[in-house]
Amino acid sequence: MAVREIRHYGDPVLRQVAEPITDFGEATRQLVTDLVDTVRLPGRAGVAAPQIGVSLAAFSYNVDGKVGYLLNPRIVELREPIVEIGEGCLSVPDLWFDTPRYSWARAEGVDLDGKPVVLEGDGLMGQALQHETDHLQGIVYLHRLHGEARREAMRQVRAQPWF
């Protein structure tokens, strides 16, 4: 089991746009193993590769008892309404903020064999798809907040011992 350490907000890797995966060899297989092992810990719904310090387009998920991964994901469809939903992030530990998210999402990507994979859903799955693909674009959920909510979130982040 290879549970990897989570990078915290402020780490430059979290602001980078992740590179597409082009080599599906042993290094990518190990990355997927690490992502899946890391997301299996209790209370985790998703882990993106940048959160473990790897700027590649991959994430794992653990939603409703289903654990998996997606390589080179992209959101292909979002459905309204947009709802404010309590959201947290392993890279922003112990803080939760209401974040605007579409109520349903569909993502497409590939597996380790390069075969197409489609993930879709509402609720936690829809939220996780948006949250994890954001990480791959260098976006942390705090960047989705606006106005006073964002100012308050950043004030709380600056007060954290990990920041």
N, C-alpha and C. Protein backbone atom coordinates (compact mmCIF):
# COMPACT_ATOMS: atom_id res chain seq x y z
N MET A 1 0.85 -1.18 0.00
CA MET A 1 0.00 0.00 0.00
C MET A 1 0.89 1.23 0.00
N ALA A 2 0.59 2.18 -0.89
CA ALA A 2 1.41 3.39 -1.02
C ALA A 2 0.54 4.63 -0.86
N VAL A 3 0.20 4.94 0.38
CA VAL A 3 -0.56 6.16 0.65
C VAL A 3 0.42 7.32 0.60
N ARG A 4 0.14 8.29 -0.25
CA ARG A 4 1.04 9.42 -0.45
C ARG A 4 0.59 10.62 0.38
N GLU A 5 1.56 11.44 0.76
CA GLU A 5 1.29 12.67 1.50
C GLU A 5 0.56 13.67 0.61
N ILE A 6 -0.40 14.36 1.19
CA ILE A 6 -1.19 15.36 0.47
C ILE A 6 -0.50 16.72 0.57
N ARG A 7 -0.36 17.38 -0.58
CA ARG A 7 0.18 18.74 -0.62
C ARG A 7 -0.88 19.72 -0.19
N HIS A 8 -0.47 20.76 0.55
CA HIS A 8 -1.40 21.76 1.05
C HIS A 8 -1.45 22.99 0.17
N TYR A 9 -2.58 23.69 0.29
CA TYR A 9 -2.77 24.94 -0.42
C TYR A 9 -1.56 25.84 -0.19
N GLY A 10 -1.08 26.43 -1.26
CA GLY A 10 0.13 27.24 -1.21
C GLY A 10 1.29 26.53 -1.91
N ASP A 11 1.23 25.21 -2.03
CA ASP A 11 2.25 24.46 -2.76
C ASP A 11 2.08 24.77 -4.25
N PRO A 12 3.16 25.17 -4.92
CA PRO A 12 3.05 25.56 -6.33
C PRO A 12 2.48 24.49 -7.25
N VAL A 13 2.66 23.21 -6.95
CA VAL A 13 2.15 22.16 -7.83
C VAL A 13 0.62 22.22 -7.95
N LEU A 14 -0.04 22.76 -6.93
CA LEU A 14 -1.50 22.85 -6.97
C LEU A 14 -2.00 23.95 -7.90
N ARG A 15 -1.12 24.84 -8.34
CA ARG A 15 -1.51 25.93 -9.25
C ARG A 15 -1.14 25.64 -10.70
N GLN A 16 -0.47 24.52 -10.94
CA GLN A 16 -0.04 24.18 -12.30
C GLN A 16 -1.15 23.43 -13.04
N VAL A 17 -1.20 23.65 -14.35
CA VAL A 17 -2.07 22.83 -15.19
C VAL A 17 -1.34 21.51 -15.40
N ALA A 18 -2.00 20.41 -15.08
CA ALA A 18 -1.39 19.09 -15.19
C ALA A 18 -1.17 18.71 -16.65
N GLU A 19 -0.08 18.01 -16.88
CA GLU A 19 0.26 17.53 -18.23
C GLU A 19 -0.56 16.27 -18.55
N PRO A 20 -0.96 16.11 -19.81
CA PRO A 20 -1.66 14.88 -20.19
C PRO A 20 -0.73 13.68 -20.04
N ILE A 21 -1.31 12.56 -19.75
CA ILE A 21 -0.55 11.32 -19.67
C ILE A 21 -0.43 10.74 -21.07
N THR A 22 0.80 10.51 -21.49
CA THR A 22 1.06 9.95 -22.82
C THR A 22 1.73 8.59 -22.75
N ASP A 23 2.34 8.29 -21.61
CA ASP A 23 3.02 7.00 -21.41
C ASP A 23 2.20 6.20 -20.40
N PHE A 24 1.70 5.07 -20.84
CA PHE A 24 0.84 4.25 -20.00
C PHE A 24 1.62 3.06 -19.42
N GLY A 25 2.90 3.28 -19.19
CA GLY A 25 3.77 2.22 -18.68
C GLY A 25 3.75 2.10 -17.18
N GLU A 26 4.84 1.54 -16.65
CA GLU A 26 4.92 1.21 -15.23
C GLU A 26 4.80 2.44 -14.33
N ALA A 27 5.39 3.57 -14.71
CA ALA A 27 5.31 4.77 -13.86
C ALA A 27 3.85 5.23 -13.72
N THR A 28 3.08 5.17 -14.78
CA THR A 28 1.68 5.57 -14.72
C THR A 28 0.88 4.56 -13.90
N ARG A 29 1.20 3.27 -14.06
CA ARG A 29 0.52 2.24 -13.26
C ARG A 29 0.78 2.45 -11.77
N GLN A 30 2.02 2.83 -11.43
CA GLN A 30 2.34 3.08 -10.03
C GLN A 30 1.61 4.33 -9.52
N LEU A 31 1.52 5.35 -10.37
CA LEU A 31 0.77 6.56 -9.99
C LEU A 31 -0.68 6.21 -9.68
N VAL A 32 -1.31 5.41 -10.53
CA VAL A 32 -2.70 5.02 -10.30
C VAL A 32 -2.83 4.23 -9.00
N THR A 33 -1.91 3.30 -8.77
CA THR A 33 -1.93 2.53 -7.52
C THR A 33 -1.84 3.47 -6.33
N ASP A 34 -0.93 4.43 -6.38
CA ASP A 34 -0.77 5.39 -5.28
C ASP A 34 -2.03 6.24 -5.10
N LEU A 35 -2.62 6.70 -6.19
CA LEU A 35 -3.84 7.50 -6.09
C LEU A 35 -4.98 6.70 -5.47
N VAL A 36 -5.14 5.46 -5.90
CA VAL A 36 -6.23 4.63 -5.38
C VAL A 36 -5.98 4.29 -3.91
N ASP A 37 -4.75 3.94 -3.56
CA ASP A 37 -4.43 3.65 -2.16
C ASP A 37 -4.68 4.89 -1.29
N THR A 38 -4.33 6.05 -1.79
CA THR A 38 -4.46 7.29 -1.03
C THR A 38 -5.93 7.68 -0.85
N VAL A 39 -6.77 7.43 -1.84
CA VAL A 39 -8.18 7.81 -1.73
C VAL A 39 -8.99 6.83 -0.88
N ARG A 40 -8.47 5.65 -0.65
CA ARG A 40 -9.21 4.65 0.12
C ARG A 40 -9.31 4.97 1.61
N LEU A 41 -8.49 5.90 2.10
CA LEU A 41 -8.56 6.24 3.52
C LEU A 41 -9.93 6.84 3.83
N PRO A 42 -10.44 6.61 5.03
CA PRO A 42 -11.77 7.11 5.39
C PRO A 42 -11.91 8.62 5.20
N GLY A 43 -13.09 9.01 4.71
CA GLY A 43 -13.42 10.42 4.57
C GLY A 43 -12.92 11.05 3.28
N ARG A 44 -12.40 10.25 2.37
CA ARG A 44 -11.86 10.80 1.13
C ARG A 44 -12.75 10.43 -0.05
N ALA A 45 -13.12 11.45 -0.84
CA ALA A 45 -13.95 11.22 -2.02
C ALA A 45 -13.13 11.27 -3.30
N GLY A 46 -11.99 11.96 -3.28
CA GLY A 46 -11.17 12.06 -4.48
C GLY A 46 -9.78 12.58 -4.16
N VAL A 47 -8.83 12.18 -5.00
CA VAL A 47 -7.46 12.67 -4.91
C VAL A 47 -6.95 12.87 -6.34
N ALA A 48 -6.51 14.07 -6.63
CA ALA A 48 -5.92 14.37 -7.94
C ALA A 48 -4.40 14.25 -7.84
N ALA A 49 -3.77 13.86 -8.93
CA ALA A 49 -2.31 13.66 -8.93
C ALA A 49 -1.55 14.88 -8.40
N PRO A 50 -1.91 16.12 -8.75
CA PRO A 50 -1.17 17.25 -8.19
C PRO A 50 -1.21 17.29 -6.66
N GLN A 51 -2.25 16.74 -6.06
CA GLN A 51 -2.34 16.75 -4.60
C GLN A 51 -1.28 15.85 -3.96
N ILE A 52 -0.72 14.92 -4.72
CA ILE A 52 0.38 14.10 -4.21
C ILE A 52 1.69 14.49 -4.87
N GLY A 53 1.71 15.69 -5.47
CA GLY A 53 2.94 16.25 -6.00
C GLY A 53 3.29 15.87 -7.42
N VAL A 54 2.34 15.30 -8.15
CA VAL A 54 2.61 14.85 -9.52
C VAL A 54 1.72 15.66 -10.47
N SER A 55 2.34 16.44 -11.34
CA SER A 55 1.57 17.30 -12.23
C SER A 55 1.20 16.57 -13.53
N LEU A 56 0.41 15.51 -13.35
CA LEU A 56 -0.12 14.73 -14.47
C LEU A 56 -1.63 14.65 -14.33
N ALA A 57 -2.32 14.50 -15.46
CA ALA A 57 -3.78 14.52 -15.50
C ALA A 57 -4.37 13.16 -15.11
N ALA A 58 -4.53 12.99 -13.81
CA ALA A 58 -5.10 11.75 -13.28
C ALA A 58 -5.74 12.04 -11.93
N PHE A 59 -6.82 11.33 -11.64
CA PHE A 59 -7.40 11.40 -10.30
C PHE A 59 -8.02 10.06 -9.94
N SER A 60 -8.19 9.86 -8.65
CA SER A 60 -8.90 8.70 -8.13
C SER A 60 -10.16 9.19 -7.42
N TYR A 61 -11.12 8.29 -7.24
CA TYR A 61 -12.35 8.65 -6.54
C TYR A 61 -12.77 7.50 -5.65
N ASN A 62 -13.55 7.85 -4.62
CA ASN A 62 -14.10 6.90 -3.67
C ASN A 62 -15.48 7.43 -3.28
N VAL A 63 -16.47 7.07 -4.07
CA VAL A 63 -17.82 7.63 -3.91
C VAL A 63 -18.84 6.49 -3.85
N ASP A 64 -19.64 6.51 -2.82
CA ASP A 64 -20.72 5.53 -2.66
C ASP A 64 -20.21 4.09 -2.78
N GLY A 65 -19.05 3.82 -2.19
CA GLY A 65 -18.49 2.48 -2.18
C GLY A 65 -17.78 2.09 -3.47
N LYS A 66 -17.72 2.98 -4.43
CA LYS A 66 -17.02 2.69 -5.68
C LYS A 66 -15.70 3.44 -5.71
N VAL A 67 -14.62 2.71 -5.92
CA VAL A 67 -13.28 3.29 -5.97
C VAL A 67 -12.74 3.08 -7.38
N GLY A 68 -12.16 4.12 -7.94
CA GLY A 68 -11.61 4.01 -9.29
C GLY A 68 -10.72 5.19 -9.60
N TYR A 69 -10.41 5.33 -10.88
CA TYR A 69 -9.53 6.39 -11.34
C TYR A 69 -9.92 6.79 -12.75
N LEU A 70 -9.41 7.93 -13.17
CA LEU A 70 -9.62 8.41 -14.53
C LEU A 70 -8.36 9.14 -14.97
N LEU A 71 -7.88 8.81 -16.14
CA LEU A 71 -6.69 9.45 -16.71
C LEU A 71 -7.12 10.40 -17.83
N ASN A 72 -6.42 11.51 -17.92
CA ASN A 72 -6.71 12.54 -18.93
C ASN A 72 -8.19 12.92 -18.96
N PRO A 73 -8.76 13.18 -17.78
CA PRO A 73 -10.19 13.48 -17.74
C PRO A 73 -10.51 14.88 -18.24
N ARG A 74 -11.70 14.99 -18.77
CA ARG A 74 -12.23 16.30 -19.12
C ARG A 74 -13.74 16.26 -18.89
N ILE A 75 -14.24 17.36 -18.39
CA ILE A 75 -15.68 17.49 -18.20
C ILE A 75 -16.29 17.75 -19.58
N VAL A 76 -17.27 16.94 -19.94
CA VAL A 76 -17.90 17.09 -21.25
C VAL A 76 -19.34 17.58 -21.17
N GLU A 77 -19.92 17.50 -19.96
CA GLU A 77 -21.29 18.00 -19.81
C GLU A 77 -21.53 18.36 -18.34
N LEU A 78 -22.20 19.48 -18.16
CA LEU A 78 -22.65 19.93 -16.84
C LEU A 78 -24.12 20.29 -16.96
N ARG A 79 -24.87 19.99 -15.92
CA ARG A 79 -26.29 20.31 -15.94
C ARG A 79 -26.64 21.19 -14.75
N GLU A 80 -27.47 22.19 -15.04
CA GLU A 80 -27.98 23.06 -14.00
C GLU A 80 -29.06 22.33 -13.22
N PRO A 81 -29.39 22.76 -12.06
CA PRO A 81 -29.04 24.05 -11.51
C PRO A 81 -27.65 24.04 -10.87
N ILE A 82 -27.11 25.23 -10.72
CA ILE A 82 -25.91 25.40 -9.94
C ILE A 82 -26.36 25.54 -8.48
N VAL A 83 -25.74 24.77 -7.60
CA VAL A 83 -26.12 24.78 -6.19
C VAL A 83 -24.90 25.12 -5.34
N GLU A 84 -25.16 25.74 -4.22
CA GLU A 84 -24.11 25.99 -3.23
C GLU A 84 -24.05 24.74 -2.35
N ILE A 85 -22.90 24.10 -2.35
CA ILE A 85 -22.78 22.84 -1.62
C ILE A 85 -21.55 22.89 -0.73
N GLY A 86 -21.68 22.39 0.49
CA GLY A 86 -20.55 22.36 1.41
C GLY A 86 -19.42 21.54 0.79
N GLU A 87 -18.25 22.13 0.74
CA GLU A 87 -17.13 21.46 0.08
C GLU A 87 -15.88 21.63 0.91
N GLY A 88 -15.10 20.58 0.95
CA GLY A 88 -13.80 20.61 1.58
C GLY A 88 -12.77 20.06 0.62
N CYS A 89 -11.53 20.02 1.06
CA CYS A 89 -10.45 19.56 0.20
C CYS A 89 -9.31 19.06 1.08
N LEU A 90 -8.73 17.95 0.71
CA LEU A 90 -7.59 17.43 1.47
C LEU A 90 -6.43 18.40 1.47
N SER A 91 -6.33 19.23 0.45
CA SER A 91 -5.25 20.22 0.37
C SER A 91 -5.55 21.48 1.17
N VAL A 92 -6.77 21.57 1.69
CA VAL A 92 -7.19 22.68 2.55
C VAL A 92 -7.84 22.04 3.78
N PRO A 93 -7.03 21.35 4.61
CA PRO A 93 -7.60 20.52 5.67
C PRO A 93 -8.40 21.31 6.70
N ASP A 94 -9.47 20.64 7.14
CA ASP A 94 -10.31 21.11 8.25
C ASP A 94 -11.17 22.33 7.93
N LEU A 95 -11.22 22.77 6.70
CA LEU A 95 -12.04 23.92 6.33
C LEU A 95 -13.07 23.50 5.29
N TRP A 96 -14.30 23.97 5.47
CA TRP A 96 -15.39 23.68 4.54
C TRP A 96 -16.08 24.98 4.19
N PHE A 97 -16.41 25.16 2.92
CA PHE A 97 -17.10 26.36 2.48
C PHE A 97 -18.14 25.98 1.44
N ASP A 98 -19.27 26.69 1.46
CA ASP A 98 -20.29 26.49 0.43
C ASP A 98 -19.72 26.97 -0.90
N THR A 99 -19.72 26.06 -1.87
CA THR A 99 -19.08 26.30 -3.16
C THR A 99 -20.10 26.09 -4.28
N PRO A 100 -20.16 27.00 -5.24
CA PRO A 100 -21.09 26.79 -6.35
C PRO A 100 -20.63 25.66 -7.27
N ARG A 101 -21.49 24.69 -7.50
CA ARG A 101 -21.21 23.55 -8.38
C ARG A 101 -22.46 23.22 -9.17
N TYR A 102 -22.25 22.75 -10.39
CA TYR A 102 -23.38 22.23 -11.16
C TYR A 102 -23.89 20.98 -10.45
N SER A 103 -25.17 20.71 -10.58
CA SER A 103 -25.77 19.60 -9.85
C SER A 103 -25.46 18.24 -10.47
N TRP A 104 -24.98 18.21 -11.71
CA TRP A 104 -24.68 16.95 -12.40
C TRP A 104 -23.50 17.18 -13.34
N ALA A 105 -22.65 16.17 -13.47
CA ALA A 105 -21.48 16.29 -14.34
C ALA A 105 -21.17 14.96 -15.02
N ARG A 106 -20.60 15.07 -16.21
CA ARG A 106 -20.08 13.91 -16.93
C ARG A 106 -18.64 14.20 -17.33
N ALA A 107 -17.78 13.24 -17.03
CA ALA A 107 -16.36 13.36 -17.41
C ALA A 107 -15.98 12.17 -18.28
N GLU A 108 -15.11 12.42 -19.25
CA GLU A 108 -14.57 11.36 -20.08
C GLU A 108 -13.07 11.35 -19.94
N GLY A 109 -12.51 10.19 -20.03
CA GLY A 109 -11.06 10.01 -19.98
C GLY A 109 -10.74 8.61 -20.45
N VAL A 110 -9.61 8.09 -19.96
CA VAL A 110 -9.19 6.74 -20.35
C VAL A 110 -8.69 5.99 -19.13
N ASP A 111 -8.57 4.66 -19.30
CA ASP A 111 -8.00 3.82 -18.26
C ASP A 111 -6.54 3.53 -18.59
N LEU A 112 -5.93 2.64 -17.84
CA LEU A 112 -4.50 2.32 -18.03
C LEU A 112 -4.21 1.63 -19.35
N ASP A 113 -5.24 1.12 -20.00
CA ASP A 113 -5.06 0.50 -21.31
C ASP A 113 -5.40 1.46 -22.44
N GLY A 114 -5.69 2.73 -22.09
CA GLY A 114 -6.03 3.72 -23.10
C GLY A 114 -7.46 3.60 -23.59
N LYS A 115 -8.27 2.77 -22.93
CA LYS A 115 -9.67 2.59 -23.34
C LYS A 115 -10.53 3.69 -22.75
N PRO A 116 -11.53 4.15 -23.50
CA PRO A 116 -12.40 5.23 -23.02
C PRO A 116 -13.17 4.84 -21.76
N VAL A 117 -13.30 5.82 -20.87
CA VAL A 117 -14.07 5.67 -19.64
C VAL A 117 -14.95 6.90 -19.49
N VAL A 118 -16.19 6.68 -19.10
CA VAL A 118 -17.12 7.78 -18.82
C VAL A 118 -17.57 7.65 -17.38
N LEU A 119 -17.47 8.74 -16.63
CA LEU A 119 -18.00 8.81 -15.28
C LEU A 119 -19.02 9.94 -15.25
N GLU A 120 -20.14 9.70 -14.58
CA GLU A 120 -21.15 10.75 -14.50
C GLU A 120 -21.95 10.57 -13.23
N GLY A 121 -22.56 11.65 -12.82
CA GLY A 121 -23.43 11.54 -11.67
C GLY A 121 -23.80 12.88 -11.08
N ASP A 122 -24.70 12.80 -10.12
CA ASP A 122 -25.10 13.98 -9.36
C ASP A 122 -24.60 13.81 -7.94
N GLY A 123 -25.01 14.67 -7.05
CA GLY A 123 -24.59 14.55 -5.66
C GLY A 123 -23.07 14.56 -5.53
N LEU A 124 -22.57 13.67 -4.68
CA LEU A 124 -21.14 13.63 -4.40
C LEU A 124 -20.32 13.30 -5.64
N MET A 125 -20.81 12.41 -6.50
CA MET A 125 -20.04 12.08 -7.71
C MET A 125 -19.93 13.28 -8.63
N GLY A 126 -21.01 13.99 -8.85
CA GLY A 126 -20.96 15.18 -9.69
C GLY A 126 -20.01 16.23 -9.13
N GLN A 127 -20.08 16.41 -7.82
CA GLN A 127 -19.20 17.37 -7.15
C GLN A 127 -17.74 16.92 -7.26
N ALA A 128 -17.47 15.63 -7.02
CA ALA A 128 -16.10 15.12 -7.08
C ALA A 128 -15.51 15.26 -8.48
N LEU A 129 -16.30 14.98 -9.51
CA LEU A 129 -15.79 15.12 -10.88
C LEU A 129 -15.36 16.55 -11.15
N GLN A 130 -16.17 17.52 -10.73
CA GLN A 130 -15.83 18.92 -10.93
C GLN A 130 -14.62 19.32 -10.10
N HIS A 131 -14.59 18.90 -8.84
CA HIS A 131 -13.52 19.25 -7.91
C HIS A 131 -12.18 18.70 -8.40
N GLU A 132 -12.15 17.42 -8.78
CA GLU A 132 -10.88 16.79 -9.17
C GLU A 132 -10.39 17.30 -10.53
N THR A 133 -11.30 17.52 -11.47
CA THR A 133 -10.83 18.08 -12.75
C THR A 133 -10.36 19.52 -12.58
N ASP A 134 -10.96 20.26 -11.64
CA ASP A 134 -10.43 21.59 -11.31
C ASP A 134 -8.97 21.49 -10.88
N HIS A 135 -8.66 20.54 -10.00
CA HIS A 135 -7.27 20.39 -9.55
C HIS A 135 -6.33 20.23 -10.74
N LEU A 136 -6.76 19.53 -11.75
CA LEU A 136 -5.90 19.28 -12.91
C LEU A 136 -5.72 20.52 -13.78
N GLN A 137 -6.54 21.54 -13.53
CA GLN A 137 -6.41 22.83 -14.21
C GLN A 137 -5.73 23.87 -13.33
N GLY A 138 -5.22 23.44 -12.18
CA GLY A 138 -4.56 24.36 -11.26
C GLY A 138 -5.53 25.18 -10.43
N ILE A 139 -6.76 24.68 -10.30
CA ILE A 139 -7.81 25.40 -9.56
C ILE A 139 -8.12 24.64 -8.27
N VAL A 140 -8.01 25.32 -7.15
CA VAL A 140 -8.44 24.78 -5.87
C VAL A 140 -9.82 25.37 -5.60
N TYR A 141 -10.69 24.61 -4.95
CA TYR A 141 -12.09 25.03 -4.81
C TYR A 141 -12.24 26.42 -4.21
N LEU A 142 -11.28 26.89 -3.44
CA LEU A 142 -11.35 28.25 -2.88
C LEU A 142 -11.45 29.29 -3.99
N HIS A 143 -10.88 28.98 -5.16
CA HIS A 143 -10.91 29.92 -6.28
C HIS A 143 -12.31 30.03 -6.89
N ARG A 144 -13.20 29.12 -6.55
CA ARG A 144 -14.58 29.16 -7.04
C ARG A 144 -15.47 30.06 -6.16
N LEU A 145 -14.95 30.46 -5.01
CA LEU A 145 -15.72 31.32 -4.10
C LEU A 145 -15.65 32.77 -4.58
N HIS A 146 -16.63 33.57 -4.18
CA HIS A 146 -16.69 34.96 -4.62
C HIS A 146 -16.90 35.90 -3.43
N GLY A 147 -16.46 37.12 -3.63
CA GLY A 147 -16.75 38.20 -2.69
C GLY A 147 -16.34 37.92 -1.27
N GLU A 148 -17.27 38.20 -0.36
CA GLU A 148 -16.99 38.05 1.07
C GLU A 148 -16.69 36.60 1.45
N ALA A 149 -17.33 35.66 0.78
CA ALA A 149 -17.08 34.24 1.08
C ALA A 149 -15.62 33.89 0.79
N ARG A 150 -15.09 34.40 -0.31
CA ARG A 150 -13.68 34.12 -0.63
C ARG A 150 -12.74 34.83 0.34
N ARG A 151 -13.05 36.06 0.68
CA ARG A 151 -12.20 36.79 1.64
C ARG A 151 -12.16 36.06 2.98
N GLU A 152 -13.31 35.61 3.44
CA GLU A 152 -13.37 34.89 4.71
C GLU A 152 -12.62 33.56 4.62
N ALA A 153 -12.78 32.85 3.53
CA ALA A 153 -12.05 31.58 3.35
C ALA A 153 -10.55 31.81 3.38
N MET A 154 -10.08 32.84 2.70
CA MET A 154 -8.64 33.10 2.67
C MET A 154 -8.13 33.55 4.03
N ARG A 155 -8.95 34.27 4.78
CA ARG A 155 -8.57 34.66 6.13
C ARG A 155 -8.38 33.40 6.98
N GLN A 156 -9.31 32.47 6.86
CA GLN A 156 -9.21 31.23 7.64
C GLN A 156 -8.02 30.38 7.20
N VAL A 157 -7.75 30.34 5.90
CA VAL A 157 -6.58 29.60 5.41
C VAL A 157 -5.31 30.16 6.00
N ARG A 158 -5.15 31.48 5.96
CA ARG A 158 -3.93 32.11 6.48
C ARG A 158 -3.71 31.84 7.96
N ALA A 159 -4.79 31.55 8.69
CA ALA A 159 -4.69 31.28 10.13
C ALA A 159 -4.34 29.81 10.45
N GLN A 160 -4.28 28.96 9.42
CA GLN A 160 -4.03 27.54 9.65
C GLN A 160 -2.55 27.26 9.89
N PRO A 161 -2.22 26.32 10.76
CA PRO A 161 -0.81 25.98 11.02
C PRO A 161 -0.10 25.38 9.81
N TRP A 162 -0.83 24.75 8.90
CA TRP A 162 -0.20 24.13 7.73
C TRP A 162 0.10 25.15 6.63
N PHE A 163 -0.44 26.37 6.74
CA PHE A 163 -0.26 27.34 5.67
C PHE A 163 1.05 28.11 5.86
